[in-house]
Amino acid sequence: METCDMTLLTRLLAFALGSVVAMDAAGASSNEALYDTITERAERLAGESYDDAAPEIPAALTELDYDQYRQIRFLPEHAIWRDQGLFEVQLFHPGFLYDRPIDLNLVNADGEVRHLPFDTSHFRYDDDAADLADLELGDLGYAGFRLHYPLNSGEYRDEFMVFLGASYFRMIGRDQGYGLSTRGLAIDTAEPHGEEFPAFREFWLVKPEPDATHMTLFALLDSPSLTGAYRFDIAPGSQTVVDTEARLFAREDVTKLGVAPLTSMFMHGGIASYPADDYRLRVHDSNGLALHTGSGERIWRPLSNPEKLHLSGLQDTSPQGFGLIQRPRHFDGYLDAEARYEKRPSEWVTPLGDWGKGRLELVEIPSDSEANDNITAYWVPEQPFEAGQSRTFRYRLRTFGATPPDQQLAHVIRTRQGWGAMPGQDDPPPASQRHFIVDFQGPSLEDLRADQPVEMRLTTSHGEIVESRVQRLPDDDTWRANFRLAPEDGTPSDMRLALTLHGEPLTETWNYVWYPDERR
């Protein structure tokens, strides 16, 4: 009898597991079919003239200021999939800067697609926005949406990802606050004829199973130069991970295609002084650009707030990853009790597949306000993207803290510079001579005695390096590279520095371009 019961139990369990596998396979199959349909639509659109027509939005919405727009609040009890699983979706009202609504579709487990019409009953209109509740808006569409999940505790579904405006989206991991943004694509950034901003026009949100810890959504991107079908497989957690696929179709020739663009803010802090009357030591969402090259080198480029636009590129073949990083992770590094910059996420892009030759391009824009994003970085393929062509890019986005995933080499913890004169020097050098210090910490430097023959590998494209030396600092955990640079007559100096032991690298490569005509 016991054997019979166990056999029956085994059969039931096998049947149940088989049903789950079949359901998962059916869901995956319907998702692929939907993605193919969206791809076909994107390809068809690329063969047509760009249509910039948008729903007419009442002036009462487009004329809202920031404070008035914030008085329109989504009602949490109207969240999509509320109490049906771990994920919920809340919606953004059109208006203010968001004058190009998007279409939203919901996809159930069977692959059935249902359009989600705009509904004013999902919102509360407070104070100065109260009169908007009486507007006849029809099926206007939504400005965007945000995803919720029990990220930090099992008691509350935290907002962890938001899609709002053009092709912008932001995400965080556990115990983080929003900072840098990601974009679906960048086109002609920093080009003389101006940048083109592609936009997600429509989304399809696939309903997860009740106990699922990941979800999928699709998007249609449109722009004067190209179209695209996007897939996002999203897994929130301590490091939120988004596997992304972009199928692109060129409507026109694209001068500069920027893949997996990251956008951030850097005001001041670190390598350069900033003429601000500010009690805070640092103000930035990211303070460095990192690249893991195809050959395995790890490069760190400190960010700056320049006096004029800086555009630079790091050439590479088959990059292993890149990202914008917020490296100081302690409150004392910022002293801002409201913004809490130490909680801003870093984000890493890992190509899934060979991206070939190209460059990681960095744009640094002068800014006088921390409300402005003035930093952007993206991959530019070497091969031009011409009208009629199609390309597919796959990559993984991941939030993290101070260092990129899997990095074992020691990392830069600070860079400082100042006038290269010695205290009390009778015949000091010109103010253009700079004294740099670069401090490193990390696993590869731990337990190294001060008398170990650690050396500095330092080069510069222009200028002369003088008085370079390496030393371990009194905390026994930090090693410092210390040198002076005498620039050449206003010519920028592109410097590269790493610490080595017996010829082997101990640290990532510090890379910085010093512009002698700038002091910030």
Protein backbone atom coordinates (compact mmCIF):
# COMPACT_ATOMS: atom_id res chain seq x y z
CA MET A 1 0.00 0.00 0.00
CA GLU A 2 2.85 2.37 0.88
CA THR A 3 4.51 1.60 -2.45
CA CYS A 4 1.29 2.26 -4.30
CA ASP A 5 0.79 5.61 -2.52
CA MET A 6 4.36 6.67 -3.26
CA THR A 7 3.97 5.69 -6.90
CA LEU A 8 0.77 7.71 -7.15
CA LEU A 9 2.45 10.66 -5.44
CA THR A 10 5.39 10.42 -7.80
CA ARG A 11 3.06 10.40 -10.81
CA LEU A 12 1.12 13.38 -9.51
CA LEU A 13 4.32 15.28 -8.82
CA ALA A 14 5.67 14.46 -12.26
CA PHE A 15 2.39 15.56 -13.82
CA ALA A 16 2.45 18.82 -11.84
CA LEU A 17 6.07 19.54 -12.76
CA GLY A 18 5.32 18.70 -16.36
CA SER A 19 2.39 21.09 -16.32
CA VAL A 20 4.60 23.88 -14.94
CA VAL A 21 7.25 23.23 -17.59
CA ALA A 22 4.57 23.16 -20.27
CA MET A 23 3.10 26.43 -18.99
CA ASP A 24 6.54 28.04 -18.89
CA ALA A 25 7.29 26.80 -22.41
CA ALA A 26 3.92 28.06 -23.64
CA GLY A 27 4.55 31.45 -22.02
CA ALA A 28 8.02 31.68 -23.53
CA SER A 29 6.66 30.70 -26.94
CA SER A 30 3.89 33.31 -26.83
CA ASN A 31 6.40 35.96 -25.71
CA GLU A 32 8.70 35.16 -28.62
CA ALA A 33 5.78 35.32 -31.02
CA LEU A 34 4.78 38.71 -29.63
CA TYR A 35 8.35 39.98 -29.87
CA ASP A 36 8.54 38.83 -33.49
CA THR A 37 5.29 40.68 -34.22
CA ILE A 38 6.65 43.90 -32.66
CA THR A 39 9.89 43.41 -34.63
CA GLU A 40 7.95 43.09 -37.88
CA ARG A 41 6.08 46.27 -37.04
CA ALA A 42 9.35 48.12 -36.36
CA GLU A 43 10.81 46.90 -39.64
CA ARG A 44 7.69 47.97 -41.52
CA LEU A 45 7.76 51.42 -39.90
CA ALA A 46 11.40 51.88 -40.94
CA GLY A 47 10.29 51.60 -44.54
CA GLU A 48 7.81 54.44 -44.11
CA SER A 49 8.26 58.17 -43.56
CA TYR A 50 8.62 59.22 -39.93
CA ASP A 51 5.28 60.29 -38.47
CA ASP A 52 5.68 62.69 -35.56
CA ALA A 53 1.96 63.13 -35.04
CA ALA A 54 0.94 62.89 -31.39
CA PRO A 55 -2.34 63.10 -29.51
CA GLU A 56 -3.39 66.65 -28.75
CA ILE A 57 -2.90 67.40 -25.07
CA PRO A 58 -4.92 70.19 -23.48
CA ALA A 59 -2.88 73.28 -22.66
CA ALA A 60 -3.98 72.91 -19.05
CA LEU A 61 -1.70 69.84 -18.89
CA THR A 62 1.27 71.05 -20.93
CA GLU A 63 1.39 74.34 -19.00
CA LEU A 64 1.70 72.64 -15.62
CA ASP A 65 4.85 73.48 -13.69
CA TYR A 66 6.84 70.93 -11.68
CA ASP A 67 4.98 71.51 -8.40
CA GLN A 68 1.54 71.39 -10.02
CA TYR A 69 2.39 68.18 -11.87
CA ARG A 70 3.41 66.56 -8.59
CA GLN A 71 -0.07 67.31 -7.25
CA ILE A 72 -1.45 64.67 -9.62
CA ARG A 73 -1.01 61.39 -7.74
CA PHE A 74 -1.63 57.86 -8.88
CA LEU A 75 -3.90 55.90 -6.53
CA PRO A 76 -1.98 52.82 -5.33
CA GLU A 77 -5.19 50.81 -4.97
CA HIS A 78 -5.52 51.05 -8.77
CA ALA A 79 -2.12 49.46 -9.40
CA ILE A 80 -2.03 46.93 -12.23
CA TRP A 81 -1.81 43.33 -10.91
CA ARG A 82 -2.42 44.57 -7.34
CA ASP A 83 -2.44 41.64 -4.88
CA GLN A 84 -2.04 39.17 -7.76
CA GLY A 85 1.67 38.48 -7.30
CA LEU A 86 4.98 40.09 -6.36
CA PHE A 87 4.92 42.73 -9.12
CA GLU A 88 2.69 45.77 -9.46
CA VAL A 89 2.62 48.61 -11.99
CA GLN A 90 1.70 52.25 -11.31
CA LEU A 91 1.12 54.89 -13.97
CA PHE A 92 2.19 58.46 -14.74
CA HIS A 93 -0.25 61.12 -15.88
CA PRO A 94 0.55 63.03 -19.10
CA GLY A 95 1.44 66.71 -18.74
CA PHE A 96 4.27 69.06 -17.73
CA LEU A 97 7.36 67.94 -19.71
CA TYR A 98 5.68 64.68 -20.70
CA ASP A 99 3.59 65.86 -23.63
CA ARG A 100 4.00 62.73 -25.80
CA PRO A 101 1.87 59.98 -24.22
CA ILE A 102 2.66 56.32 -24.81
CA ASP A 103 0.33 53.39 -25.51
CA LEU A 104 0.28 50.61 -22.91
CA ASN A 105 -0.74 47.01 -23.46
CA LEU A 106 -1.15 44.18 -20.94
CA VAL A 107 -0.28 40.61 -21.91
CA ASN A 108 -1.71 37.67 -19.93
CA ALA A 109 -0.24 34.20 -19.46
CA ASP A 110 -1.92 32.95 -22.63
CA GLY A 111 -0.33 35.68 -24.71
CA GLU A 112 -3.58 37.61 -25.08
CA VAL A 113 -2.93 41.35 -25.55
CA ARG A 114 -5.24 43.98 -24.08
CA HIS A 115 -4.88 47.73 -24.60
CA LEU A 116 -4.90 49.73 -21.35
CA PRO A 117 -6.96 52.90 -21.92
CA PHE A 118 -6.27 56.14 -20.09
CA ASP A 119 -8.54 56.59 -17.08
CA THR A 120 -8.69 59.68 -14.84
CA SER A 121 -10.14 57.56 -12.02
CA HIS A 122 -6.64 56.09 -11.49
CA PHE A 123 -5.45 59.48 -10.20
CA ARG A 124 -6.06 61.98 -7.41
CA TYR A 125 -5.95 65.68 -8.39
CA ASP A 126 -4.92 67.79 -5.39
CA ASP A 127 -4.72 71.52 -4.68
CA ASP A 128 -3.78 73.50 -7.83
CA ALA A 129 -4.43 70.42 -9.98
CA ALA A 130 -8.00 69.87 -8.70
CA ASP A 131 -9.67 71.42 -11.78
CA LEU A 132 -7.97 68.90 -14.07
CA ALA A 133 -10.27 66.16 -12.80
CA ASP A 134 -13.09 67.74 -14.84
CA LEU A 135 -11.25 67.65 -18.18
CA GLU A 136 -12.56 65.33 -20.90
CA LEU A 137 -9.31 63.60 -21.88
CA GLY A 138 -10.53 60.45 -23.59
CA ASP A 139 -8.00 57.70 -24.28
CA LEU A 140 -5.06 60.10 -24.13
CA GLY A 141 -2.40 57.56 -23.14
CA TYR A 142 0.02 57.64 -20.20
CA ALA A 143 3.29 59.50 -19.72
CA GLY A 144 5.01 56.35 -18.44
CA PHE A 145 4.94 53.76 -15.69
CA ARG A 146 6.88 52.42 -12.71
CA LEU A 147 7.43 48.87 -11.53
CA HIS A 148 7.04 47.78 -7.90
CA TYR A 149 8.39 44.70 -6.13
CA PRO A 150 9.18 43.75 -2.47
CA LEU A 151 12.81 44.77 -2.94
CA ASN A 152 13.80 45.73 0.61
CA SER A 153 11.29 43.76 2.69
CA GLY A 154 8.40 41.37 2.27
CA GLU A 155 5.92 43.88 3.67
CA TYR A 156 6.03 46.55 0.97
CA ARG A 157 6.34 46.64 -2.81
CA ASP A 158 9.07 49.19 -3.49
CA GLU A 159 9.36 51.19 -6.69
CA PHE A 160 12.52 49.90 -8.37
CA MET A 161 12.25 50.84 -12.05
CA VAL A 162 10.59 53.64 -13.98
CA PHE A 163 10.08 54.35 -17.70
CA LEU A 164 9.33 58.03 -18.25
CA GLY A 165 10.19 60.37 -21.12
CA ALA A 166 11.62 59.55 -24.60
CA SER A 167 13.59 56.29 -24.18
CA TYR A 168 14.76 57.02 -20.62
CA PHE A 169 14.44 54.59 -17.74
CA ARG A 170 15.97 54.33 -14.27
CA MET A 171 16.42 51.42 -11.89
CA ILE A 172 17.79 50.67 -8.45
CA GLY A 173 18.88 47.69 -6.40
CA ARG A 174 18.27 47.00 -2.73
CA ASP A 175 18.86 49.97 -0.37
CA GLN A 176 19.57 52.34 -3.26
CA GLY A 177 17.95 55.60 -4.42
CA TYR A 178 17.46 56.82 -7.97
CA GLY A 179 20.43 58.52 -9.62
CA LEU A 180 21.72 57.92 -13.13
CA SER A 181 19.42 57.08 -16.05
CA THR A 182 19.59 54.59 -18.90
CA ARG A 183 18.34 55.21 -22.43
CA GLY A 184 17.17 52.85 -25.11
CA LEU A 185 19.46 54.50 -27.66
CA ALA A 186 21.48 57.65 -28.35
CA ILE A 187 21.69 59.19 -31.81
CA ASP A 188 24.19 61.88 -32.87
CA THR A 189 25.03 62.91 -29.31
CA ALA A 190 27.39 65.92 -29.24
CA GLU A 191 27.29 66.21 -33.04
CA PRO A 192 27.33 69.77 -34.47
CA HIS A 193 23.95 69.33 -36.18
CA GLY A 194 22.28 68.40 -32.90
CA GLU A 195 21.19 65.26 -31.09
CA GLU A 196 18.20 63.13 -32.05
CA PHE A 197 16.16 61.65 -29.21
CA PRO A 198 14.43 58.38 -30.10
CA ALA A 199 11.40 57.53 -27.99
CA PHE A 200 9.54 54.45 -26.85
CA ARG A 201 6.07 54.87 -28.37
CA GLU A 202 4.35 51.72 -27.09
CA PHE A 203 4.89 49.08 -24.40
CA TRP A 204 3.67 45.55 -23.77
CA LEU A 205 3.81 44.42 -20.12
CA VAL A 206 3.70 40.64 -19.66
CA LYS A 207 1.93 39.56 -16.48
CA PRO A 208 4.26 37.43 -14.32
CA GLU A 209 3.15 34.32 -12.48
CA PRO A 210 2.10 35.09 -8.86
CA ASP A 211 5.38 33.82 -7.35
CA ALA A 212 7.65 34.93 -10.23
CA THR A 213 10.72 36.97 -9.28
CA HIS A 214 11.27 38.34 -12.78
CA MET A 215 9.11 39.88 -15.48
CA THR A 216 9.27 40.76 -19.17
CA LEU A 217 8.20 43.79 -21.13
CA PHE A 218 8.53 44.82 -24.76
CA ALA A 219 8.77 48.27 -26.34
CA LEU A 220 8.52 49.85 -29.77
CA LEU A 221 11.05 52.63 -30.40
CA ASP A 222 10.63 55.23 -33.14
CA SER A 223 12.76 58.12 -34.36
CA PRO A 224 13.37 60.09 -37.57
CA SER A 225 16.45 57.96 -38.33
CA LEU A 226 15.44 54.49 -37.16
CA THR A 227 12.99 52.18 -35.43
CA GLY A 228 13.51 49.39 -32.91
CA ALA A 229 11.89 46.49 -31.08
CA TYR A 230 13.12 46.03 -27.50
CA ARG A 231 12.83 43.22 -25.00
CA PHE A 232 13.58 43.70 -21.30
CA ASP A 233 13.82 40.68 -18.96
CA ILE A 234 13.85 42.23 -15.51
CA ALA A 235 15.01 40.65 -12.22
CA PRO A 236 14.95 43.03 -9.21
CA GLY A 237 17.19 42.29 -6.23
CA SER A 238 20.27 43.43 -4.35
CA GLN A 239 21.65 43.96 -7.85
CA THR A 240 18.76 44.57 -10.22
CA VAL A 241 19.51 42.89 -13.55
CA VAL A 242 17.89 43.64 -16.91
CA ASP A 243 18.73 41.50 -19.93
CA THR A 244 18.07 43.69 -22.96
CA GLU A 245 17.73 42.99 -26.65
CA ALA A 246 17.38 45.75 -29.26
CA ARG A 247 16.48 44.93 -32.86
CA LEU A 248 17.16 48.11 -34.83
CA PHE A 249 16.14 49.14 -38.37
CA ALA A 250 17.67 52.21 -40.04
CA ARG A 251 15.21 54.54 -41.79
CA GLU A 252 18.00 57.00 -42.65
CA ASP A 253 21.81 56.99 -42.39
CA VAL A 254 22.84 57.43 -38.76
CA THR A 255 25.94 59.57 -38.23
CA LYS A 256 26.62 58.25 -34.73
CA LEU A 257 24.84 55.30 -33.14
CA GLY A 258 25.13 55.24 -29.33
CA VAL A 259 24.36 51.79 -27.90
CA ALA A 260 23.36 51.21 -24.25
CA PRO A 261 23.69 54.87 -23.26
CA LEU A 262 24.00 55.86 -19.59
CA THR A 263 23.25 59.43 -18.46
CA SER A 264 24.26 60.99 -15.15
CA MET A 265 25.15 64.16 -13.24
CA PHE A 266 28.51 65.43 -11.99
CA MET A 267 28.78 68.86 -10.38
CA HIS A 268 31.88 68.78 -8.19
CA GLY A 269 34.04 66.61 -5.95
CA GLY A 270 37.29 64.75 -6.33
CA ILE A 271 39.94 65.60 -8.87
CA ALA A 272 39.05 69.20 -9.61
CA SER A 273 38.04 72.18 -7.55
CA TYR A 274 34.72 73.87 -8.26
CA PRO A 275 33.92 77.52 -7.52
CA ALA A 276 30.72 76.79 -5.57
CA ASP A 277 29.57 78.14 -2.23
CA ASP A 278 28.61 74.66 -1.03
CA TYR A 279 29.12 72.89 2.29
CA ARG A 280 29.00 69.49 0.59
CA LEU A 281 32.27 67.76 -0.31
CA ARG A 282 30.82 66.14 -3.42
CA VAL A 283 27.71 66.56 -5.55
CA HIS A 284 27.30 63.88 -8.20
CA ASP A 285 25.28 60.83 -9.22
CA SER A 286 28.39 59.22 -10.72
CA ASN A 287 32.07 60.10 -10.36
CA GLY A 288 33.75 57.81 -12.87
CA LEU A 289 33.50 55.91 -16.14
CA ALA A 290 34.83 52.35 -16.15
CA LEU A 291 35.68 50.09 -19.08
CA HIS A 292 36.62 46.40 -19.10
CA THR A 293 38.34 46.08 -22.46
CA GLY A 294 38.32 43.13 -24.81
CA SER A 295 41.94 42.43 -23.86
CA GLY A 296 41.07 42.31 -20.15
CA GLU A 297 42.35 45.72 -19.02
CA ARG A 298 40.20 47.63 -16.54
CA ILE A 299 40.18 51.40 -17.04
CA TRP A 300 38.89 54.09 -14.67
CA ARG A 301 38.22 57.62 -15.97
CA PRO A 302 37.29 60.24 -13.31
CA LEU A 303 34.47 62.53 -14.38
CA SER A 304 34.60 66.31 -14.44
CA ASN A 305 32.37 69.36 -14.79
CA PRO A 306 34.34 71.19 -17.48
CA GLU A 307 34.30 74.85 -18.48
CA LYS A 308 33.49 73.80 -22.06
CA LEU A 309 32.15 70.59 -23.56
CA HIS A 310 34.54 67.64 -23.50
CA LEU A 311 34.13 64.73 -25.90
CA SER A 312 36.49 61.77 -25.60
CA GLY A 313 36.59 58.17 -26.75
CA LEU A 314 38.25 54.94 -25.60
CA GLN A 315 38.93 52.71 -28.60
CA ASP A 316 38.37 48.98 -28.11
CA THR A 317 37.44 45.70 -29.76
CA SER A 318 34.84 43.36 -28.27
CA PRO A 319 34.46 45.17 -24.91
CA GLN A 320 33.62 43.02 -21.91
CA GLY A 321 31.70 45.78 -20.14
CA PHE A 322 31.44 49.43 -19.18
CA GLY A 323 29.56 51.59 -16.73
CA LEU A 324 29.11 54.84 -14.84
CA ILE A 325 30.06 54.41 -11.20
CA GLN A 326 29.28 56.16 -7.94
CA ARG A 327 32.36 55.09 -6.00
CA PRO A 328 32.28 56.80 -2.58
CA ARG A 329 29.62 54.79 -0.70
CA HIS A 330 29.68 56.52 2.71
CA PHE A 331 27.72 59.53 3.98
CA ASP A 332 30.86 61.37 5.10
CA GLY A 333 31.94 61.61 1.47
CA TYR A 334 28.99 63.88 0.63
CA LEU A 335 27.37 65.22 3.85
CA ASP A 336 23.99 65.62 2.09
CA ALA A 337 21.25 64.30 4.40
CA GLU A 338 18.50 64.91 1.82
CA ALA A 339 19.93 63.80 -1.53
CA ARG A 340 21.86 60.86 0.01
CA TYR A 341 24.25 60.67 -2.92
CA GLU A 342 26.08 57.73 -1.33
CA LYS A 343 23.00 55.59 -2.10
CA ARG A 344 22.93 56.38 -5.82
CA PRO A 345 23.42 53.23 -7.92
CA SER A 346 26.29 52.45 -10.24
CA GLU A 347 25.31 50.67 -13.45
CA TRP A 348 27.21 48.18 -15.59
CA VAL A 349 26.63 47.18 -19.22
CA THR A 350 27.77 43.68 -20.23
CA PRO A 351 27.59 42.93 -23.97
CA LEU A 352 26.01 39.55 -24.68
CA GLY A 353 27.83 38.66 -27.85
CA ASP A 354 30.70 40.23 -29.78
CA TRP A 355 30.21 43.96 -30.42
CA GLY A 356 33.33 44.16 -32.60
CA LYS A 357 35.39 47.30 -33.07
CA GLY A 358 34.30 50.70 -31.85
CA ARG A 359 34.75 53.15 -29.01
CA LEU A 360 33.29 53.97 -25.64
CA GLU A 361 32.44 57.65 -25.93
CA LEU A 362 32.18 60.01 -22.96
CA VAL A 363 30.46 63.41 -23.10
CA GLU A 364 31.00 65.90 -20.26
CA ILE A 365 28.89 69.08 -20.45
CA PRO A 366 29.41 72.25 -18.38
CA SER A 367 26.68 72.63 -15.76
CA ASP A 368 25.81 74.98 -12.93
CA SER A 369 22.93 72.92 -11.49
CA GLU A 370 22.73 69.46 -9.99
CA ALA A 371 19.23 69.23 -11.51
CA ASN A 372 20.83 68.78 -14.94
CA ASP A 373 22.26 65.55 -16.30
CA ASN A 374 25.56 66.61 -17.88
CA ILE A 375 27.31 63.25 -18.33
CA THR A 376 26.59 60.56 -20.87
CA ALA A 377 28.49 57.48 -22.07
CA TYR A 378 27.67 54.92 -24.77
CA TRP A 379 29.24 52.44 -27.18
CA VAL A 380 29.73 53.59 -30.79
CA PRO A 381 30.25 50.75 -33.32
CA GLU A 382 32.97 51.34 -35.89
CA GLN A 383 30.74 50.31 -38.80
CA PRO A 384 28.23 53.01 -39.84
CA PHE A 385 24.52 52.25 -39.60
CA GLU A 386 23.07 53.00 -43.03
CA ALA A 387 19.51 53.31 -44.30
CA GLY A 388 17.94 49.93 -44.96
CA GLN A 389 20.26 48.05 -42.62
CA SER A 390 19.27 46.19 -39.45
CA ARG A 391 21.27 45.30 -36.34
CA THR A 392 20.66 43.48 -33.10
CA PHE A 393 22.38 44.30 -29.81
CA ARG A 394 22.07 42.18 -26.68
CA TYR A 395 23.40 43.29 -23.32
CA ARG A 396 22.88 42.98 -19.59
CA LEU A 397 22.31 45.96 -17.33
CA ARG A 398 23.16 45.59 -13.66
CA THR A 399 23.09 47.91 -10.66
CA PHE A 400 25.91 47.67 -8.12
CA GLY A 401 27.99 49.69 -5.67
CA ALA A 402 31.62 50.85 -5.76
CA THR A 403 33.33 48.40 -8.12
CA PRO A 404 32.22 46.58 -11.28
CA PRO A 405 31.08 42.96 -10.97
CA ASP A 406 33.90 40.43 -10.61
CA GLN A 407 36.70 43.03 -10.38
CA GLN A 408 39.63 41.75 -8.29
CA LEU A 409 42.20 44.40 -9.14
CA ALA A 410 42.52 47.29 -6.70
CA HIS A 411 40.47 50.34 -7.62
CA VAL A 412 40.93 54.10 -7.44
CA ILE A 413 39.38 55.55 -4.28
CA ARG A 414 40.38 59.17 -4.88
CA THR A 415 42.18 61.49 -7.27
CA ARG A 416 43.34 64.96 -6.26
CA GLN A 417 45.43 67.63 -7.96
CA GLY A 418 46.79 71.08 -7.25
CA TRP A 419 49.61 73.48 -8.06
CA GLY A 420 52.90 71.66 -8.40
CA ALA A 421 54.93 74.04 -6.20
CA MET A 422 56.72 73.00 -3.02
CA PRO A 423 55.87 74.90 0.19
CA GLY A 424 58.29 77.81 0.61
CA GLN A 425 59.90 77.23 -2.79
CA ASP A 426 62.03 80.25 -3.82
CA ASP A 427 61.52 79.77 -7.53
CA PRO A 428 58.11 78.05 -7.89
CA PRO A 429 57.01 76.58 -11.23
CA PRO A 430 54.19 78.16 -13.26
CA ALA A 431 50.61 77.52 -12.15
CA SER A 432 50.18 75.17 -15.13
CA GLN A 433 52.42 72.57 -13.43
CA ARG A 434 50.15 70.19 -11.53
CA HIS A 435 50.68 67.85 -8.62
CA PHE A 436 48.54 64.68 -8.86
CA ILE A 437 47.87 61.99 -6.29
CA VAL A 438 45.94 58.81 -7.12
CA ASP A 439 45.05 56.47 -4.23
CA PHE A 440 44.19 52.79 -4.65
CA GLN A 441 42.60 50.14 -2.44
CA GLY A 442 41.47 46.58 -3.07
CA PRO A 443 42.16 42.85 -2.70
CA SER A 444 45.33 42.82 -4.80
CA LEU A 445 46.98 45.37 -2.47
CA GLU A 446 45.98 43.76 0.81
CA ASP A 447 48.78 42.34 2.96
CA LEU A 448 51.48 43.97 0.84
CA ARG A 449 54.35 45.22 3.00
CA ALA A 450 55.57 48.78 2.50
CA ASP A 451 58.95 47.52 1.27
CA GLN A 452 57.45 45.52 -1.60
CA PRO A 453 58.78 46.79 -4.97
CA VAL A 454 55.45 48.24 -6.12
CA GLU A 455 56.04 50.42 -9.16
CA MET A 456 54.09 53.01 -11.11
CA ARG A 457 53.43 52.52 -14.80
CA LEU A 458 52.69 56.05 -16.00
CA THR A 459 52.49 57.57 -19.48
CA THR A 460 51.25 60.85 -20.92
CA SER A 461 50.46 61.85 -24.48
CA HIS A 462 51.98 65.32 -23.98
CA GLY A 463 53.95 67.12 -21.31
CA GLU A 464 56.62 65.91 -18.92
CA ILE A 465 56.20 63.74 -15.83
CA VAL A 466 58.49 64.65 -12.94
CA GLU A 467 59.07 63.44 -9.38
CA SER A 468 56.93 60.30 -9.53
CA ARG A 469 56.87 57.88 -6.60
CA VAL A 470 54.72 55.18 -4.96
CA GLN A 471 54.11 54.79 -1.24
CA ARG A 472 51.84 52.91 1.16
CA LEU A 473 49.79 55.26 3.31
CA PRO A 474 49.64 55.07 7.14
CA ASP A 475 46.30 53.21 7.14
CA ASP A 476 48.20 50.21 5.67
CA ASP A 477 45.33 49.58 3.20
CA THR A 478 45.92 52.39 0.68
CA TRP A 479 48.72 52.84 -1.86
CA ARG A 480 49.38 56.22 -3.42
CA ALA A 481 50.80 57.20 -6.80
CA ASN A 482 52.30 60.68 -6.54
CA PHE A 483 53.61 62.72 -9.49
CA ARG A 484 53.89 66.15 -11.09
CA LEU A 485 52.91 67.06 -14.64
CA ALA A 486 54.46 69.90 -16.64
CA PRO A 487 52.03 70.35 -19.58
CA GLU A 488 52.99 71.53 -23.04
CA ASP A 489 51.81 75.04 -23.97
CA GLY A 490 48.06 74.51 -23.59
CA THR A 491 48.08 70.98 -25.08
CA PRO A 492 45.87 68.44 -23.23
CA SER A 493 47.72 65.58 -21.52
CA ASP A 494 46.10 62.16 -21.80
CA MET A 495 47.56 60.22 -18.84
CA ARG A 496 47.44 56.51 -17.96
CA LEU A 497 48.62 55.11 -14.65
CA ALA A 498 48.61 51.72 -12.92
CA LEU A 499 50.52 50.10 -10.05
CA THR A 500 52.44 46.91 -10.77
CA LEU A 501 54.45 44.31 -8.90
CA HIS A 502 57.14 42.41 -10.83
CA GLY A 503 55.53 43.66 -14.04
CA GLU A 504 52.04 42.38 -13.22
CA PRO A 505 49.17 44.87 -12.71
CA LEU A 506 47.87 45.31 -9.17
CA THR A 507 45.30 47.97 -10.04
CA GLU A 508 42.90 49.16 -12.66
CA THR A 509 44.33 51.74 -15.05
CA TRP A 510 43.65 55.33 -14.05
CA ASN A 511 43.08 57.40 -17.18
CA TYR A 512 42.57 61.16 -17.20
CA VAL A 513 42.87 64.02 -19.67
CA TRP A 514 44.21 67.23 -18.12
CA TYR A 515 43.32 70.44 -19.95
CA PRO A 516 45.89 73.10 -18.94
CA ASP A 517 43.53 75.98 -19.74
CA GLU A 518 41.02 74.78 -17.16
CA ARG A 519 41.28 74.93 -13.37
CA ARG A 520 38.12 73.11 -12.32
